[in-house]
């Protein structure tokens, strides 16, 4: 893997983590400490050229 790909993937992970409004396992957020409901959870998708996070 080259550095540019690593940076791209890192930015996608950061965008998804920043959009999250709950804590889940190792992905703990101090500002959202509760795990939230699994029934209302969703997957995140990030695509090049789109807004930082597209649902």
Protein backbone atom coordinates (compact mmCIF):
# COMPACT_ATOMS: atom_id res chain seq x y z
CA UNK A 1 0.00 0.00 0.00
CA UNK A 2 1.34 3.42 -0.78
CA UNK A 3 1.24 6.50 1.42
CA UNK A 4 -1.49 8.21 -0.61
CA UNK A 5 -3.84 5.24 -0.15
CA UNK A 6 -3.12 5.11 3.58
CA UNK A 7 -3.95 8.79 3.90
CA UNK A 8 -7.17 8.38 1.90
CA UNK A 9 -8.35 5.47 4.05
CA UNK A 10 -7.39 7.32 7.23
CA UNK A 11 -9.46 10.32 6.17
CA UNK A 12 -12.46 8.07 5.44
CA UNK A 13 -12.18 6.41 8.86
CA UNK A 14 -11.91 9.80 10.54
CA UNK A 15 -14.98 11.13 8.71
CA UNK A 16 -17.06 8.09 9.73
CA UNK A 17 -15.84 8.25 13.34
CA UNK A 18 -16.60 11.98 13.54
CA UNK A 19 -20.13 11.44 12.21
CA UNK A 20 -20.85 8.72 14.80
CA UNK A 21 -23.13 9.85 17.65
CA UNK A 22 -22.63 6.87 19.96
CA UNK A 23 -19.91 4.67 21.41
CA UNK A 24 -19.39 1.15 20.17
CA UNK A 25 -16.73 -1.18 21.65
CA UNK A 26 -13.26 0.26 21.12
CA UNK A 27 -14.77 3.24 19.28
CA UNK A 28 -15.52 5.25 22.42
CA UNK A 29 -16.45 8.93 22.28
CA UNK A 30 -16.39 11.00 25.45
CA UNK A 31 -19.04 13.36 24.05
CA UNK A 32 -21.32 10.37 23.21
CA UNK A 33 -20.60 7.78 25.95
CA UNK A 34 -23.79 5.72 25.51
CA UNK A 35 -23.76 2.77 23.06
CA UNK A 36 -27.03 3.71 21.34
CA UNK A 37 -29.56 1.33 19.84
CA UNK A 38 -28.48 -1.34 17.36
CA UNK A 39 -31.92 -1.12 15.73
CA UNK A 40 -31.27 2.48 14.65
CA UNK A 41 -27.59 2.08 13.77
CA UNK A 42 -26.42 2.26 10.16
CA UNK A 43 -23.38 1.65 8.00
CA UNK A 44 -21.25 4.57 6.83
CA UNK A 45 -20.02 5.02 3.29
CA UNK A 46 -17.40 7.48 2.09
CA UNK A 47 -16.70 7.96 -1.61
CA UNK A 48 -14.06 10.10 -3.31
CA UNK A 49 -15.46 13.32 -4.72
CA UNK A 50 -18.58 13.33 -2.53
CA UNK A 51 -19.28 15.13 0.70
CA UNK A 52 -17.13 13.90 3.63
CA UNK A 53 -19.74 11.35 4.63
CA UNK A 54 -22.57 10.01 2.48
CA UNK A 55 -25.13 7.74 4.13
